[in-house]
Amino acid sequence: MSRTARGAQQEIPNEGMTIVRTGPADIDADATVRHYDQLSERARRVVADAANGSEPSVRAPDLSPGDVVRFTDYYVVR
């Protein structure tokens, strides 16, 4: 299964991973999209920090490259 997003708009480094804001039209139809409230507390902090441009956190164990998260926008983890 493909879990990628095309056309990244903003990249935010995340110690080994990058959280990339993307548009809904750029998410593959077969990608798994997780909602923000489905994440662990640590993963929610990582996504929130990336979304507001704060210093990114360390890795979150429940986020992997290819994950798509719906928060204020859509974000893909690379």
N, C-alpha and C. Protein backbone atom coordinates (compact mmCIF):
# COMPACT_ATOMS: atom_id res chain seq x y z
N MET A 1 0.84 -1.17 0.00
CA MET A 1 0.00 0.00 0.00
C MET A 1 0.88 1.23 0.00
N SER A 2 0.59 2.15 -0.84
CA SER A 2 1.30 3.42 -0.90
C SER A 2 0.82 4.32 0.23
N ARG A 3 1.77 4.98 0.90
CA ARG A 3 1.39 5.89 1.98
C ARG A 3 2.16 7.18 1.80
N THR A 4 2.07 7.75 0.63
CA THR A 4 2.83 8.94 0.33
C THR A 4 1.92 10.10 -0.02
N ALA A 5 2.48 11.28 0.03
CA ALA A 5 1.77 12.48 -0.41
C ALA A 5 2.63 13.18 -1.45
N ARG A 6 1.99 13.78 -2.40
CA ARG A 6 2.70 14.48 -3.47
C ARG A 6 2.59 15.97 -3.25
N GLY A 7 3.55 16.75 -3.76
CA GLY A 7 3.43 18.20 -3.76
C GLY A 7 3.57 18.84 -2.39
N ALA A 8 4.57 18.45 -1.64
CA ALA A 8 4.76 19.01 -0.30
C ALA A 8 4.87 20.53 -0.35
N GLN A 9 4.26 21.19 0.62
CA GLN A 9 4.25 22.64 0.65
C GLN A 9 5.22 23.22 1.66
N GLN A 10 5.48 22.51 2.75
CA GLN A 10 6.33 23.04 3.81
C GLN A 10 6.98 21.86 4.52
N GLU A 11 8.30 21.91 4.70
CA GLU A 11 8.99 20.85 5.39
C GLU A 11 9.52 21.37 6.72
N ILE A 12 9.33 20.57 7.76
CA ILE A 12 9.75 20.93 9.10
C ILE A 12 10.56 19.77 9.65
N PRO A 13 11.86 19.95 9.94
CA PRO A 13 12.67 18.83 10.39
C PRO A 13 12.19 18.31 11.74
N ASN A 14 12.30 16.99 11.94
CA ASN A 14 11.87 16.36 13.18
C ASN A 14 12.84 15.25 13.57
N GLU A 15 14.08 15.59 13.89
CA GLU A 15 15.13 14.68 14.34
C GLU A 15 14.98 13.29 13.73
N GLY A 16 15.38 13.15 12.48
CA GLY A 16 15.31 11.88 11.79
C GLY A 16 14.11 11.77 10.87
N MET A 17 13.09 12.55 11.12
CA MET A 17 11.90 12.56 10.27
C MET A 17 11.58 14.01 9.91
N THR A 18 10.77 14.16 8.89
CA THR A 18 10.29 15.48 8.49
C THR A 18 8.77 15.41 8.44
N ILE A 19 8.13 16.40 8.99
CA ILE A 19 6.68 16.50 8.91
C ILE A 19 6.38 17.55 7.86
N VAL A 20 5.66 17.15 6.82
CA VAL A 20 5.44 17.98 5.64
C VAL A 20 3.96 18.32 5.51
N ARG A 21 3.65 19.61 5.48
CA ARG A 21 2.27 20.03 5.23
C ARG A 21 1.95 19.74 3.78
N THR A 22 0.78 19.22 3.51
CA THR A 22 0.38 18.88 2.16
C THR A 22 -1.11 19.14 1.99
N GLY A 23 -1.55 19.20 0.78
CA GLY A 23 -2.97 19.43 0.51
C GLY A 23 -3.71 18.12 0.34
N PRO A 24 -5.00 18.09 0.61
CA PRO A 24 -5.76 16.85 0.48
C PRO A 24 -5.71 16.26 -0.93
N ALA A 25 -5.62 17.10 -1.94
CA ALA A 25 -5.55 16.61 -3.31
C ALA A 25 -4.23 15.90 -3.60
N ASP A 26 -3.23 16.13 -2.76
CA ASP A 26 -1.91 15.53 -2.98
C ASP A 26 -1.70 14.22 -2.21
N ILE A 27 -2.71 13.77 -1.50
CA ILE A 27 -2.61 12.52 -0.75
C ILE A 27 -3.12 11.40 -1.62
N ASP A 28 -2.33 10.32 -1.71
CA ASP A 28 -2.76 9.17 -2.51
C ASP A 28 -4.08 8.62 -1.97
N ALA A 29 -4.91 8.15 -2.86
CA ALA A 29 -6.23 7.64 -2.48
C ALA A 29 -6.15 6.46 -1.52
N ASP A 30 -5.07 5.69 -1.59
CA ASP A 30 -4.95 4.51 -0.71
C ASP A 30 -4.11 4.79 0.54
N ALA A 31 -3.77 6.05 0.79
CA ALA A 31 -2.99 6.40 1.98
C ALA A 31 -3.86 6.27 3.23
N THR A 32 -3.23 5.89 4.33
CA THR A 32 -3.91 5.84 5.61
C THR A 32 -3.80 7.21 6.27
N VAL A 33 -4.93 7.81 6.58
CA VAL A 33 -4.96 9.12 7.22
C VAL A 33 -5.42 8.93 8.66
N ARG A 34 -4.60 9.41 9.60
CA ARG A 34 -4.95 9.33 11.02
C ARG A 34 -5.29 10.72 11.49
N HIS A 35 -6.30 10.82 12.31
CA HIS A 35 -6.70 12.10 12.87
C HIS A 35 -5.85 12.40 14.11
N TYR A 36 -5.62 13.67 14.33
CA TYR A 36 -4.79 14.16 15.43
C TYR A 36 -5.19 13.52 16.76
N ASP A 37 -6.48 13.40 17.04
CA ASP A 37 -6.92 12.87 18.32
C ASP A 37 -6.71 11.36 18.46
N GLN A 38 -6.28 10.69 17.40
CA GLN A 38 -5.97 9.27 17.46
C GLN A 38 -4.51 9.02 17.85
N LEU A 39 -3.71 10.08 17.94
CA LEU A 39 -2.28 9.94 18.22
C LEU A 39 -2.01 9.94 19.72
N SER A 40 -0.83 9.44 20.07
CA SER A 40 -0.39 9.52 21.46
C SER A 40 -0.14 10.98 21.82
N GLU A 41 -0.06 11.25 23.09
CA GLU A 41 0.20 12.63 23.54
C GLU A 41 1.51 13.16 22.95
N ARG A 42 2.54 12.34 22.93
CA ARG A 42 3.83 12.76 22.38
C ARG A 42 3.73 13.08 20.89
N ALA A 43 3.04 12.22 20.14
CA ALA A 43 2.87 12.46 18.70
C ALA A 43 2.05 13.72 18.45
N ARG A 44 1.04 13.96 19.28
CA ARG A 44 0.25 15.20 19.13
C ARG A 44 1.13 16.43 19.32
N ARG A 45 2.06 16.37 20.29
CA ARG A 45 2.98 17.51 20.49
C ARG A 45 3.85 17.72 19.27
N VAL A 46 4.38 16.64 18.70
CA VAL A 46 5.23 16.74 17.51
C VAL A 46 4.47 17.40 16.37
N VAL A 47 3.25 16.94 16.11
CA VAL A 47 2.46 17.49 15.01
C VAL A 47 2.09 18.95 15.28
N ALA A 48 1.68 19.25 16.50
CA ALA A 48 1.32 20.64 16.85
C ALA A 48 2.53 21.56 16.73
N ASP A 49 3.69 21.11 17.19
CA ASP A 49 4.91 21.92 17.06
C ASP A 49 5.24 22.17 15.60
N ALA A 50 5.11 21.15 14.77
CA ALA A 50 5.38 21.31 13.34
C ALA A 50 4.39 22.26 12.71
N ALA A 51 3.13 22.15 13.08
CA ALA A 51 2.09 23.00 12.49
C ALA A 51 2.27 24.46 12.85
N ASN A 52 2.72 24.75 14.07
CA ASN A 52 2.85 26.16 14.46
C ASN A 52 4.25 26.70 14.25
N GLY A 53 5.16 25.88 13.72
CA GLY A 53 6.50 26.35 13.39
C GLY A 53 7.45 26.41 14.58
N SER A 54 7.03 25.89 15.73
CA SER A 54 7.91 25.85 16.90
C SER A 54 9.04 24.86 16.66
N GLU A 55 9.98 24.85 17.57
CA GLU A 55 11.07 23.87 17.48
C GLU A 55 10.48 22.48 17.51
N PRO A 56 10.75 21.68 16.49
CA PRO A 56 10.19 20.33 16.44
C PRO A 56 10.70 19.45 17.58
N SER A 57 9.88 18.52 17.98
CA SER A 57 10.20 17.57 19.05
C SER A 57 11.01 16.41 18.50
N VAL A 58 11.36 15.49 19.37
CA VAL A 58 12.02 14.25 18.95
C VAL A 58 11.00 13.35 18.30
N ARG A 59 11.45 12.21 17.81
CA ARG A 59 10.54 11.27 17.16
C ARG A 59 9.41 10.85 18.08
N ALA A 60 8.30 10.56 17.50
CA ALA A 60 7.18 9.99 18.24
C ALA A 60 7.06 8.53 17.81
N PRO A 61 7.02 7.62 18.76
CA PRO A 61 7.03 6.19 18.41
C PRO A 61 5.86 5.75 17.53
N ASP A 62 4.74 6.46 17.57
CA ASP A 62 3.61 6.04 16.75
C ASP A 62 3.52 6.77 15.42
N LEU A 63 4.56 7.54 15.04
CA LEU A 63 4.62 8.16 13.72
C LEU A 63 5.75 7.53 12.93
N SER A 64 5.46 7.19 11.69
CA SER A 64 6.44 6.57 10.80
C SER A 64 6.40 7.29 9.46
N PRO A 65 7.49 7.22 8.70
CA PRO A 65 7.47 7.79 7.36
C PRO A 65 6.29 7.23 6.56
N GLY A 66 5.58 8.11 5.91
CA GLY A 66 4.41 7.72 5.13
C GLY A 66 3.10 7.97 5.84
N ASP A 67 3.12 8.13 7.16
CA ASP A 67 1.89 8.42 7.89
C ASP A 67 1.35 9.78 7.47
N VAL A 68 0.04 9.88 7.33
CA VAL A 68 -0.62 11.15 7.05
C VAL A 68 -1.47 11.48 8.27
N VAL A 69 -1.34 12.71 8.77
CA VAL A 69 -2.09 13.13 9.95
C VAL A 69 -2.93 14.35 9.58
N ARG A 70 -4.20 14.31 9.97
CA ARG A 70 -5.11 15.44 9.78
C ARG A 70 -5.12 16.25 11.07
N PHE A 71 -4.64 17.48 11.01
CA PHE A 71 -4.62 18.39 12.15
C PHE A 71 -5.28 19.66 11.66
N THR A 72 -4.62 20.79 11.69
CA THR A 72 -5.18 22.01 11.12
C THR A 72 -5.15 21.96 9.60
N ASP A 73 -4.21 21.21 9.07
CA ASP A 73 -4.07 20.86 7.66
C ASP A 73 -3.73 19.38 7.63
N TYR A 74 -3.35 18.88 6.47
CA TYR A 74 -2.87 17.52 6.36
C TYR A 74 -1.35 17.56 6.41
N TYR A 75 -0.75 16.61 7.13
CA TYR A 75 0.69 16.51 7.25
C TYR A 75 1.10 15.07 6.97
N VAL A 76 2.19 14.93 6.22
CA VAL A 76 2.74 13.61 5.96
C VAL A 76 4.10 13.53 6.63
N VAL A 77 4.40 12.38 7.18
CA VAL A 77 5.69 12.16 7.86
C VAL A 77 6.62 11.51 6.85
N ARG A 78 7.84 12.08 6.77
CA ARG A 78 8.86 11.52 5.85
C ARG A 78 10.11 11.22 6.62
